Every structure is written in structure tokens, then in C-alpha cells.
């Protein structure tokens, strides 16, 4: 395999490692991709020995710098999630809690449903950490349900996660009580 081909392969592996770490931090992977990280470190080291031209060395140095900065970032984020500064997303919601099917709320939002909706919104976003933690999200849902009930006079609110323009969004639909026809 040519040196350039090996560099391209290392760049692809670096991108895959970045995605896997983001998925782990988002709660989609159970264990961190440490084996892939070690494999990539060995590949970079092996390429360093094989580097012949200045251009190859420069490109390899750029890849190595990105790899090292990602490594440090992931270690920092992992430490933060372990001590509670950056919460990890909750595990997959329990059976019967499909955020895309949704839930109808008349009083309070159940904890399991809040976790399911949270996971539905933030669990598939390429690992981006949410700007809000689960407890704050649950409080937000409670406030939104109450506001919608007061504003529309509905008895319940249907909450569900939908995909719109490639993004996951929360939809809330007021459910009004059925009216009985008095003319009958």
C-alpha cells in the first residue's frame, strides 16, 4: 500500500474514532472506543517511521495533531461526564416508550417518558452533547405542557419527537375534550 493510501486510511479511521467517541459520550455506545484509539495511535507511529518527503511529513503531522487534540478533548469530556459536569445521555428508554409515537400528558410528565423524549431528541444527533441536562429538560416539558394547557384550554398535550429538515424536534399538540352535540 502506498504511503498516501495509508494516510487516507488513517484519516478515515480518525473520523470514525471521532464519531465513535461522540456516540459513546451521547450514550449510544456502551464502552469507549479505546481499542480503535490504540490501533490509530500505532498506525500514526508506523507512518512516522515511513515518512519520506517533507509534504508527507507535513500532512502526517497535521493528522497527528488532530488525533492528539481529539484525544485530549475526549479525555476531558469523559472526566467531566464522570464527575457530573457534563451529563451523559440516559440509556435507551424502556420498552413501550417510543419518543416518535409520543405520549399524551394530562398532569405531569412521567420520568421515563421525559427520558425517552430526551433520548429521542439528543440520542441520534451525531453525538453532540445537549445544551440541557435531563432534569432541566423534564422541567422544561412540565412548563411547556402547563403553558399550552392554559393558552389553549386543552385537557391534555401530546408530546412526540419528529424529524424535520434532518433535525429531531419536539412537537406538542393540544388535545381538546370531545364535545357532545347538544342538538340531538
N, C-alpha and C. Protein backbone atom coordinates (compact mmCIF):
# COMPACT_ATOMS: atom_id res chain seq x y z
N UNK A 1 0.85 -1.17 0.00
CA UNK A 1 0.00 0.00 0.00
C UNK A 1 0.90 1.24 0.00
N UNK A 2 0.58 2.19 -0.85
CA UNK A 2 1.37 3.43 -0.93
C UNK A 2 1.18 4.27 0.33
N UNK A 3 2.16 5.14 0.56
CA UNK A 3 2.13 5.99 1.74
C UNK A 3 0.88 6.88 1.74
N UNK A 4 0.53 7.46 0.60
CA UNK A 4 -0.65 8.33 0.51
C UNK A 4 -1.93 7.56 0.83
N UNK A 5 -2.01 6.32 0.35
CA UNK A 5 -3.18 5.49 0.63
C UNK A 5 -3.28 5.20 2.13
N UNK A 6 -2.14 4.95 2.76
CA UNK A 6 -2.13 4.69 4.20
C UNK A 6 -2.54 5.95 4.98
N UNK A 7 -2.09 7.12 4.49
CA UNK A 7 -2.51 8.37 5.13
C UNK A 7 -4.02 8.57 5.01
N UNK A 8 -4.55 8.29 3.82
CA UNK A 8 -6.01 8.40 3.63
C UNK A 8 -6.76 7.46 4.56
N UNK A 9 -6.25 6.24 4.71
CA UNK A 9 -6.88 5.27 5.60
C UNK A 9 -6.84 5.76 7.05
N UNK A 10 -5.72 6.32 7.49
CA UNK A 10 -5.61 6.85 8.85
C UNK A 10 -6.57 8.01 9.05
N UNK A 11 -6.73 8.86 8.05
CA UNK A 11 -7.70 9.96 8.17
C UNK A 11 -9.12 9.44 8.32
N UNK A 12 -9.48 8.41 7.56
CA UNK A 12 -10.81 7.81 7.69
C UNK A 12 -11.00 7.19 9.07
N UNK A 13 -9.97 6.51 9.56
CA UNK A 13 -10.05 5.90 10.88
C UNK A 13 -10.17 6.98 11.96
N UNK A 14 -9.50 8.10 11.76
CA UNK A 14 -9.60 9.20 12.72
C UNK A 14 -11.02 9.73 12.75
N UNK A 15 -11.63 9.89 11.61
CA UNK A 15 -13.02 10.38 11.54
C UNK A 15 -13.96 9.37 12.21
N UNK A 16 -13.74 8.08 11.96
CA UNK A 16 -14.56 7.04 12.58
C UNK A 16 -14.39 7.05 14.09
N UNK A 17 -13.16 7.23 14.56
CA UNK A 17 -12.91 7.29 16.00
C UNK A 17 -13.62 8.49 16.62
N UNK A 18 -13.57 9.62 15.94
CA UNK A 18 -14.26 10.81 16.44
C UNK A 18 -15.76 10.55 16.58
N UNK A 19 -16.34 9.95 15.57
CA UNK A 19 -17.78 9.64 15.60
C UNK A 19 -18.10 8.65 16.71
N UNK A 20 -17.25 7.62 16.86
CA UNK A 20 -17.50 6.62 17.91
C UNK A 20 -17.41 7.23 19.30
N UNK A 21 -16.44 8.13 19.51
CA UNK A 21 -16.35 8.77 20.82
C UNK A 21 -17.58 9.65 21.08
N UNK A 22 -18.02 10.36 20.07
CA UNK A 22 -19.21 11.19 20.23
C UNK A 22 -20.42 10.32 20.54
N UNK A 23 -20.52 9.19 19.86
CA UNK A 23 -21.63 8.26 20.12
C UNK A 23 -21.55 7.73 21.55
N UNK A 24 -20.33 7.41 22.02
CA UNK A 24 -20.17 6.93 23.38
C UNK A 24 -20.60 8.01 24.38
N UNK A 25 -20.15 9.22 24.17
CA UNK A 25 -20.50 10.31 25.08
C UNK A 25 -21.98 10.64 25.04
N UNK A 26 -22.63 10.32 23.93
CA UNK A 26 -24.07 10.54 23.80
C UNK A 26 -24.88 9.38 24.36
N UNK A 27 -24.20 8.30 24.77
CA UNK A 27 -24.90 7.17 25.36
C UNK A 27 -25.30 6.10 24.36
N UNK A 28 -24.90 6.24 23.09
CA UNK A 28 -25.28 5.26 22.08
C UNK A 28 -24.36 4.05 22.07
N UNK A 29 -23.14 4.18 22.58
CA UNK A 29 -22.21 3.06 22.72
C UNK A 29 -21.99 2.81 24.21
N UNK A 30 -21.88 1.54 24.57
CA UNK A 30 -21.74 1.17 25.97
C UNK A 30 -20.32 1.42 26.48
N UNK A 31 -19.32 1.10 25.66
CA UNK A 31 -17.93 1.27 26.08
C UNK A 31 -17.22 2.24 25.14
N UNK A 32 -16.22 2.96 25.65
CA UNK A 32 -15.48 3.89 24.78
C UNK A 32 -14.66 3.11 23.76
N UNK A 33 -14.42 3.70 22.60
CA UNK A 33 -13.68 3.00 21.54
C UNK A 33 -12.16 3.04 21.77
N UNK A 34 -11.71 2.53 22.91
CA UNK A 34 -10.30 2.58 23.27
C UNK A 34 -9.44 1.73 22.35
N UNK A 35 -9.98 0.59 21.91
CA UNK A 35 -9.21 -0.29 21.03
C UNK A 35 -8.94 0.40 19.69
N UNK A 36 -9.94 1.07 19.15
CA UNK A 36 -9.76 1.80 17.89
C UNK A 36 -8.77 2.94 18.07
N UNK A 37 -8.80 3.58 19.24
CA UNK A 37 -7.86 4.67 19.52
C UNK A 37 -6.43 4.14 19.56
N UNK A 38 -6.23 3.01 20.22
CA UNK A 38 -4.90 2.41 20.30
C UNK A 38 -4.40 1.98 18.92
N UNK A 39 -5.29 1.40 18.14
CA UNK A 39 -4.95 0.99 16.77
C UNK A 39 -4.53 2.19 15.93
N UNK A 40 -5.24 3.29 16.07
CA UNK A 40 -4.92 4.50 15.33
C UNK A 40 -3.58 5.08 15.78
N UNK A 41 -3.31 5.04 17.07
CA UNK A 41 -2.03 5.54 17.59
C UNK A 41 -0.87 4.74 17.01
N UNK A 42 -1.04 3.42 16.91
CA UNK A 42 0.01 2.58 16.31
C UNK A 42 0.19 2.88 14.83
N UNK A 43 -0.92 3.10 14.13
CA UNK A 43 -0.84 3.41 12.69
C UNK A 43 -0.11 4.73 12.46
N UNK A 44 -0.38 5.73 13.27
CA UNK A 44 0.29 7.03 13.14
C UNK A 44 1.78 6.87 13.42
N UNK A 45 2.10 6.11 14.47
CA UNK A 45 3.51 5.88 14.80
C UNK A 45 4.23 5.16 13.66
N UNK A 46 3.60 4.16 13.08
CA UNK A 46 4.21 3.42 11.97
C UNK A 46 4.41 4.32 10.76
N UNK A 47 3.47 5.21 10.50
CA UNK A 47 3.61 6.12 9.36
C UNK A 47 4.74 7.13 9.60
N UNK A 48 4.93 7.51 10.84
CA UNK A 48 6.01 8.46 11.16
C UNK A 48 7.35 7.88 10.72
N UNK A 49 7.54 6.58 10.90
CA UNK A 49 8.79 5.92 10.51
C UNK A 49 8.93 5.87 8.99
N UNK A 50 7.81 5.71 8.30
CA UNK A 50 7.83 5.57 6.84
C UNK A 50 7.85 6.89 6.08
N UNK A 51 7.60 7.99 6.74
CA UNK A 51 7.53 9.30 6.09
C UNK A 51 8.85 9.63 5.39
N UNK A 52 8.76 9.97 4.09
CA UNK A 52 9.98 10.22 3.32
C UNK A 52 10.11 11.67 2.87
N UNK A 53 9.05 12.25 2.36
CA UNK A 53 9.15 13.61 1.83
C UNK A 53 8.63 14.61 2.86
N UNK A 54 8.98 15.84 2.64
CA UNK A 54 8.53 16.91 3.55
C UNK A 54 7.01 17.07 3.48
N UNK A 55 6.45 16.92 2.29
CA UNK A 55 4.99 17.05 2.13
C UNK A 55 4.28 15.94 2.89
N UNK A 56 4.80 14.70 2.80
CA UNK A 56 4.20 13.59 3.54
C UNK A 56 4.30 13.83 5.03
N UNK A 57 5.47 14.30 5.48
CA UNK A 57 5.67 14.58 6.89
C UNK A 57 4.75 15.67 7.40
N UNK A 58 4.53 16.69 6.57
CA UNK A 58 3.66 17.79 6.95
C UNK A 58 2.22 17.31 7.09
N UNK A 59 1.74 16.53 6.11
CA UNK A 59 0.37 16.01 6.16
C UNK A 59 0.19 15.08 7.36
N UNK A 60 1.20 14.23 7.58
CA UNK A 60 1.13 13.32 8.72
C UNK A 60 1.11 14.09 10.04
N UNK A 61 1.90 15.16 10.12
CA UNK A 61 1.92 15.98 11.34
C UNK A 61 0.56 16.62 11.60
N UNK A 62 -0.11 17.06 10.54
CA UNK A 62 -1.43 17.65 10.68
C UNK A 62 -2.44 16.61 11.20
N UNK A 63 -2.38 15.40 10.64
CA UNK A 63 -3.27 14.32 11.09
C UNK A 63 -2.97 13.97 12.54
N UNK A 64 -1.69 13.88 12.87
CA UNK A 64 -1.29 13.53 14.23
C UNK A 64 -1.73 14.61 15.23
N UNK A 65 -1.63 15.86 14.83
CA UNK A 65 -2.06 16.96 15.71
C UNK A 65 -3.57 16.88 15.95
N UNK A 66 -4.35 16.60 14.90
CA UNK A 66 -5.80 16.45 15.07
C UNK A 66 -6.12 15.28 15.98
N UNK A 67 -5.41 14.18 15.77
CA UNK A 67 -5.61 12.99 16.60
C UNK A 67 -5.34 13.30 18.07
N UNK A 68 -4.22 13.97 18.35
CA UNK A 68 -3.87 14.29 19.73
C UNK A 68 -4.86 15.27 20.35
N UNK A 69 -5.32 16.25 19.58
CA UNK A 69 -6.28 17.21 20.15
C UNK A 69 -7.63 16.54 20.41
N UNK A 70 -8.06 15.63 19.52
CA UNK A 70 -9.30 14.88 19.76
C UNK A 70 -9.15 14.02 21.01
N UNK A 71 -8.00 13.36 21.14
CA UNK A 71 -7.74 12.51 22.30
C UNK A 71 -7.90 13.29 23.60
N UNK A 72 -7.28 14.46 23.64
CA UNK A 72 -7.36 15.29 24.85
C UNK A 72 -8.79 15.77 25.10
N UNK A 73 -9.47 16.18 24.04
CA UNK A 73 -10.85 16.62 24.17
C UNK A 73 -11.73 15.50 24.72
N UNK A 74 -11.59 14.30 24.17
CA UNK A 74 -12.41 13.18 24.62
C UNK A 74 -12.10 12.81 26.06
N UNK A 75 -10.83 12.82 26.44
CA UNK A 75 -10.48 12.52 27.83
C UNK A 75 -11.10 13.55 28.77
N UNK A 76 -11.03 14.82 28.37
CA UNK A 76 -11.60 15.89 29.20
C UNK A 76 -13.11 15.71 29.34
N UNK A 77 -13.80 15.46 28.21
CA UNK A 77 -15.24 15.30 28.25
C UNK A 77 -15.65 14.05 29.03
N UNK A 78 -14.84 13.00 28.93
CA UNK A 78 -15.13 11.79 29.68
C UNK A 78 -14.98 12.06 31.18
N UNK A 79 -13.94 12.76 31.59
CA UNK A 79 -13.76 13.13 33.00
C UNK A 79 -14.93 13.98 33.48
N UNK A 80 -15.35 14.95 32.65
CA UNK A 80 -16.47 15.81 33.03
C UNK A 80 -17.75 15.01 33.22
N UNK A 81 -17.99 14.05 32.33
CA UNK A 81 -19.22 13.26 32.47
C UNK A 81 -19.15 12.36 33.69
N UNK A 82 -17.95 11.90 34.05
CA UNK A 82 -17.81 11.03 35.21
C UNK A 82 -18.02 11.79 36.52
N UNK A 83 -17.63 13.08 36.56
CA UNK A 83 -17.81 13.84 37.80
C UNK A 83 -19.08 14.67 37.76
N UNK A 84 -19.85 14.58 36.67
CA UNK A 84 -21.15 15.21 36.63
C UNK A 84 -21.20 16.60 36.04
N UNK A 85 -20.09 17.11 35.50
CA UNK A 85 -20.13 18.44 34.90
C UNK A 85 -20.83 18.42 33.55
N UNK A 86 -20.67 17.36 32.82
CA UNK A 86 -21.34 17.21 31.52
C UNK A 86 -22.07 15.88 31.57
N UNK A 87 -23.38 15.93 31.76
CA UNK A 87 -24.11 14.67 31.92
C UNK A 87 -24.13 13.86 30.63
N UNK A 88 -23.97 12.55 30.78
CA UNK A 88 -24.16 11.66 29.64
C UNK A 88 -25.66 11.50 29.45
N UNK A 89 -26.04 11.21 28.26
CA UNK A 89 -27.45 10.98 27.99
C UNK A 89 -27.90 9.71 28.69
N UNK A 90 -29.15 9.63 29.04
CA UNK A 90 -29.63 8.41 29.69
C UNK A 90 -29.57 7.25 28.71
N UNK A 91 -29.58 6.05 29.25
CA UNK A 91 -29.58 4.86 28.41
C UNK A 91 -30.88 4.82 27.63
N UNK A 92 -30.96 3.87 26.74
CA UNK A 92 -32.15 3.73 25.92
C UNK A 92 -33.40 3.68 26.80
N UNK A 93 -34.47 4.35 26.39
CA UNK A 93 -35.69 4.31 27.18
C UNK A 93 -36.25 2.89 27.25
N UNK A 94 -37.05 2.65 28.26
CA UNK A 94 -37.61 1.32 28.47
C UNK A 94 -38.59 0.93 27.37
N UNK A 95 -38.92 -0.31 27.38
CA UNK A 95 -39.85 -0.83 26.38
C UNK A 95 -41.18 -0.09 26.49
N UNK A 96 -41.78 0.18 25.36
CA UNK A 96 -43.06 0.86 25.34
C UNK A 96 -42.96 2.38 25.40
N UNK A 97 -41.75 2.91 25.45
CA UNK A 97 -41.56 4.35 25.50
C UNK A 97 -40.93 4.82 24.17
N UNK A 98 -41.73 4.88 23.14
CA UNK A 98 -41.24 5.30 21.83
C UNK A 98 -41.45 6.80 21.68
N UNK A 99 -40.34 7.58 21.64
CA UNK A 99 -40.48 9.03 21.55
C UNK A 99 -41.12 9.50 20.24
N UNK A 100 -41.07 8.67 19.21
CA UNK A 100 -41.64 9.05 17.92
C UNK A 100 -43.15 8.82 17.89
N UNK A 101 -43.61 7.84 18.67
CA UNK A 101 -45.05 7.63 18.83
C UNK A 101 -45.61 8.68 19.77
N UNK A 102 -44.83 8.99 20.81
CA UNK A 102 -45.20 10.05 21.72
C UNK A 102 -46.02 9.59 22.91
N UNK A 103 -46.38 10.58 23.71
CA UNK A 103 -47.13 10.33 24.93
C UNK A 103 -48.14 11.46 25.10
N UNK A 104 -49.31 11.13 25.66
CA UNK A 104 -50.31 12.14 25.97
C UNK A 104 -50.21 12.42 27.47
N UNK A 105 -50.03 13.70 27.79
CA UNK A 105 -49.82 14.13 29.17
C UNK A 105 -51.02 14.96 29.60
N UNK A 106 -51.60 14.58 30.74
CA UNK A 106 -52.71 15.39 31.25
C UNK A 106 -52.30 16.15 32.52
N UNK A 107 -51.42 15.62 33.30
CA UNK A 107 -50.96 16.30 34.52
C UNK A 107 -49.44 16.50 34.47
N UNK A 108 -48.71 15.50 34.94
CA UNK A 108 -47.25 15.58 34.99
C UNK A 108 -46.63 14.68 33.92
N UNK A 109 -45.43 15.05 33.48
CA UNK A 109 -44.69 14.22 32.53
C UNK A 109 -43.95 13.16 33.34
N UNK A 110 -44.22 11.90 33.06
CA UNK A 110 -43.58 10.77 33.73
C UNK A 110 -42.06 10.83 33.49
N UNK A 111 -41.28 10.42 34.50
CA UNK A 111 -39.81 10.45 34.39
C UNK A 111 -39.32 9.60 33.22
N UNK A 112 -39.90 8.42 33.04
CA UNK A 112 -39.47 7.54 31.94
C UNK A 112 -39.77 8.16 30.58
N UNK A 113 -40.91 8.83 30.48
CA UNK A 113 -41.25 9.47 29.22
C UNK A 113 -40.35 10.67 28.96
N UNK A 114 -40.02 11.41 30.00
CA UNK A 114 -39.09 12.54 29.82
C UNK A 114 -37.76 12.03 29.32
N UNK A 115 -37.27 10.92 29.89
CA UNK A 115 -36.00 10.32 29.45
C UNK A 115 -36.10 9.83 28.01
N UNK A 116 -37.23 9.22 27.65
CA UNK A 116 -37.42 8.73 26.28
C UNK A 116 -37.43 9.88 25.28
N UNK A 117 -38.14 10.95 25.60
CA UNK A 117 -38.18 12.11 24.69
C UNK A 117 -36.81 12.77 24.59
N UNK A 118 -36.10 12.86 25.71
CA UNK A 118 -34.75 13.42 25.74
C UNK A 118 -33.83 12.59 24.85
N UNK A 119 -33.88 11.28 25.00
CA UNK A 119 -33.06 10.38 24.18
C UNK A 119 -33.44 10.50 22.71
N UNK A 120 -34.73 10.61 22.43
CA UNK A 120 -35.17 10.76 21.04
C UNK A 120 -34.66 12.04 20.40
N UNK A 121 -34.61 13.10 21.18
CA UNK A 121 -34.12 14.38 20.66
C UNK A 121 -32.61 14.41 20.51
N UNK A 122 -31.90 13.94 21.52
CA UNK A 122 -30.46 14.11 21.55
C UNK A 122 -29.65 12.85 21.30
N UNK A 123 -30.27 11.69 21.33
CA UNK A 123 -29.53 10.44 21.19
C UNK A 123 -29.01 10.19 19.79
N UNK A 124 -29.63 10.73 18.76
CA UNK A 124 -29.18 10.46 17.40
C UNK A 124 -28.60 11.65 16.70
N UNK A 125 -28.02 12.53 17.41
CA UNK A 125 -27.51 13.76 16.80
C UNK A 125 -26.01 13.72 16.55
N UNK A 126 -25.50 12.59 16.13
CA UNK A 126 -24.09 12.56 15.82
C UNK A 126 -23.23 12.80 17.04
N UNK A 127 -23.83 12.53 18.23
CA UNK A 127 -23.06 12.63 19.43
C UNK A 127 -22.92 13.99 20.02
N UNK A 128 -23.54 14.98 19.43
CA UNK A 128 -23.44 16.32 20.02
C UNK A 128 -24.08 16.32 21.39
N UNK A 129 -23.37 16.88 22.33
CA UNK A 129 -23.91 16.95 23.70
C UNK A 129 -25.02 17.99 23.74
N UNK A 130 -26.11 17.67 24.42
CA UNK A 130 -27.20 18.62 24.51
C UNK A 130 -26.81 19.82 25.36
N UNK A 131 -27.47 20.93 25.13
CA UNK A 131 -27.20 22.15 25.90
C UNK A 131 -27.95 22.13 27.23
N UNK A 132 -28.69 21.06 27.49
CA UNK A 132 -29.54 20.97 28.67
C UNK A 132 -29.40 19.57 29.24
N UNK A 133 -29.52 19.44 30.56
CA UNK A 133 -29.47 18.11 31.15
C UNK A 133 -30.88 17.55 31.28
N UNK A 134 -30.98 16.28 31.65
CA UNK A 134 -32.28 15.60 31.69
C UNK A 134 -33.24 16.26 32.68
N UNK A 135 -32.76 16.64 33.86
CA UNK A 135 -33.64 17.27 34.86
C UNK A 135 -34.20 18.60 34.35
N UNK A 136 -33.35 19.41 33.74
CA UNK A 136 -33.80 20.68 33.18
C UNK A 136 -34.79 20.46 32.04
N UNK A 137 -34.52 19.43 31.22
CA UNK A 137 -35.41 19.10 30.12
C UNK A 137 -36.78 18.70 30.66
N UNK A 138 -36.79 17.89 31.73
CA UNK A 138 -38.04 17.46 32.34
C UNK A 138 -38.83 18.67 32.84
N UNK A 139 -38.14 19.59 33.51
CA UNK A 139 -38.80 20.82 33.99
C UNK A 139 -39.34 21.64 32.83
N UNK A 140 -38.55 21.72 31.75
CA UNK A 140 -38.97 22.44 30.55
C UNK A 140 -40.26 21.83 30.00
N UNK A 141 -40.32 20.49 29.92
CA UNK A 141 -41.53 19.82 29.42
C UNK A 141 -42.73 20.16 30.29
N UNK A 142 -42.54 20.12 31.60
CA UNK A 142 -43.64 20.43 32.52
C UNK A 142 -44.17 21.85 32.27
N UNK A 143 -43.25 22.80 32.13
CA UNK A 143 -43.66 24.20 31.90
C UNK A 143 -44.37 24.35 30.56
N UNK A 144 -43.86 23.70 29.54
CA UNK A 144 -44.47 23.81 28.21
C UNK A 144 -45.87 23.20 28.19
N UNK A 145 -46.04 22.06 28.83
CA UNK A 145 -47.35 21.42 28.89
C UNK A 145 -48.34 22.34 29.61
N UNK A 146 -47.93 22.88 30.75
CA UNK A 146 -48.81 23.77 31.52
C UNK A 146 -49.16 25.02 30.72
N UNK A 147 -48.17 25.62 30.07
CA UNK A 147 -48.40 26.82 29.26
C UNK A 147 -49.38 26.54 28.13
N UNK A 148 -49.19 25.42 27.45
CA UNK A 148 -50.06 25.06 26.33
C UNK A 148 -51.48 24.76 26.82
N UNK A 149 -51.59 24.12 27.96
CA UNK A 149 -52.93 23.84 28.51
C UNK A 149 -53.64 25.14 28.87
N UNK A 150 -52.92 26.08 29.48
CA UNK A 150 -53.54 27.37 29.86
C UNK A 150 -53.92 28.18 28.62
N UNK A 151 -53.04 28.19 27.62
CA UNK A 151 -53.25 29.01 26.43
C UNK A 151 -54.38 28.49 25.54
N UNK A 152 -54.51 27.16 25.45
CA UNK A 152 -55.49 26.60 24.52
C UNK A 152 -56.74 26.06 25.21
N UNK A 153 -56.67 25.88 26.51
CA UNK A 153 -57.81 25.31 27.23
C UNK A 153 -57.93 23.81 27.03
N UNK A 154 -56.90 23.17 26.55
CA UNK A 154 -56.95 21.73 26.32
C UNK A 154 -56.84 20.97 27.64
N UNK A 155 -57.23 19.71 27.61
CA UNK A 155 -57.13 18.89 28.82
C UNK A 155 -55.82 18.12 28.86
N UNK A 156 -55.27 17.83 27.69
CA UNK A 156 -54.03 17.06 27.60
C UNK A 156 -53.18 17.60 26.46
N UNK A 157 -51.91 17.18 26.47
CA UNK A 157 -50.97 17.58 25.42
C UNK A 157 -50.26 16.32 24.94
N UNK A 158 -50.18 16.16 23.63
CA UNK A 158 -49.46 15.03 23.03
C UNK A 158 -48.06 15.49 22.70
N UNK A 159 -47.05 14.83 23.28
CA UNK A 159 -45.65 15.15 23.04
C UNK A 159 -45.01 14.03 22.24
N UNK A 160 -44.26 14.39 21.20
CA UNK A 160 -43.55 13.37 20.43
C UNK A 160 -42.37 14.00 19.73
N UNK A 161 -41.43 13.17 19.30
CA UNK A 161 -40.23 13.61 18.59
C UNK A 161 -40.44 13.32 17.12
N UNK A 162 -40.20 14.31 16.27
CA UNK A 162 -40.31 14.15 14.82
C UNK A 162 -39.03 14.63 14.17
N UNK A 163 -38.78 14.13 12.97
CA UNK A 163 -37.63 14.60 12.20
C UNK A 163 -38.13 15.61 11.18
N UNK A 164 -37.50 16.78 11.17
CA UNK A 164 -37.87 17.84 10.26
C UNK A 164 -36.60 18.49 9.72
N UNK A 165 -36.45 18.51 8.43
CA UNK A 165 -35.26 19.08 7.78
C UNK A 165 -33.98 18.45 8.31
N UNK A 166 -34.00 17.15 8.55
CA UNK A 166 -32.82 16.44 9.02
C UNK A 166 -32.51 16.64 10.49
N UNK A 167 -33.39 17.32 11.22
CA UNK A 167 -33.17 17.57 12.65
C UNK A 167 -34.31 16.97 13.45
N UNK A 168 -33.98 16.52 14.64
CA UNK A 168 -35.00 15.99 15.54
C UNK A 168 -35.62 17.16 16.29
N UNK A 169 -36.95 17.19 16.34
CA UNK A 169 -37.65 18.29 17.01
C UNK A 169 -38.76 17.73 17.88
N UNK A 170 -39.08 18.47 18.92
CA UNK A 170 -40.16 18.09 19.82
C UNK A 170 -41.44 18.77 19.35
N UNK A 171 -42.50 18.00 19.20
CA UNK A 171 -43.79 18.54 18.81
C UNK A 171 -44.77 18.37 19.97
N UNK A 172 -45.55 19.39 20.21
CA UNK A 172 -46.58 19.35 21.24
C UNK A 172 -47.91 19.69 20.58
N UNK A 173 -48.89 18.84 20.78
CA UNK A 173 -50.21 19.06 20.18
C UNK A 173 -51.26 19.06 21.28
N UNK A 174 -52.03 20.15 21.37
CA UNK A 174 -53.09 20.18 22.39
C UNK A 174 -54.19 19.19 22.03
N UNK A 175 -54.69 18.49 23.05
CA UNK A 175 -55.80 17.55 22.87
C UNK A 175 -57.00 18.15 23.61
N UNK A 176 -57.97 18.54 22.85
CA UNK A 176 -59.16 19.14 23.44
C UNK A 176 -60.16 18.06 23.83
N UNK A 177 -60.99 18.33 24.85
CA UNK A 177 -62.00 17.35 25.22
C UNK A 177 -63.02 17.22 24.09
N UNK A 178 -63.54 16.02 23.94
CA UNK A 178 -64.57 15.82 22.91
C UNK A 178 -65.84 16.54 23.31
N UNK A 179 -66.42 17.21 22.35
CA UNK A 179 -67.67 17.95 22.64
C UNK A 179 -68.85 17.05 22.31
N UNK A 180 -69.87 17.17 23.12
CA UNK A 180 -71.08 16.43 22.83
C UNK A 180 -72.02 17.40 22.13
N UNK A 181 -72.70 16.91 21.13
CA UNK A 181 -73.62 17.73 20.36
C UNK A 181 -74.91 17.89 21.14
N UNK A 182 -75.28 19.13 21.49
CA UNK A 182 -76.46 19.39 22.32
C UNK A 182 -77.74 19.43 21.49
N UNK A 183 -77.63 19.39 20.19
CA UNK A 183 -78.82 19.47 19.35
C UNK A 183 -79.59 18.14 19.31
N UNK A 184 -78.95 17.07 19.61
CA UNK A 184 -79.55 15.75 19.46
C UNK A 184 -80.73 15.51 20.31
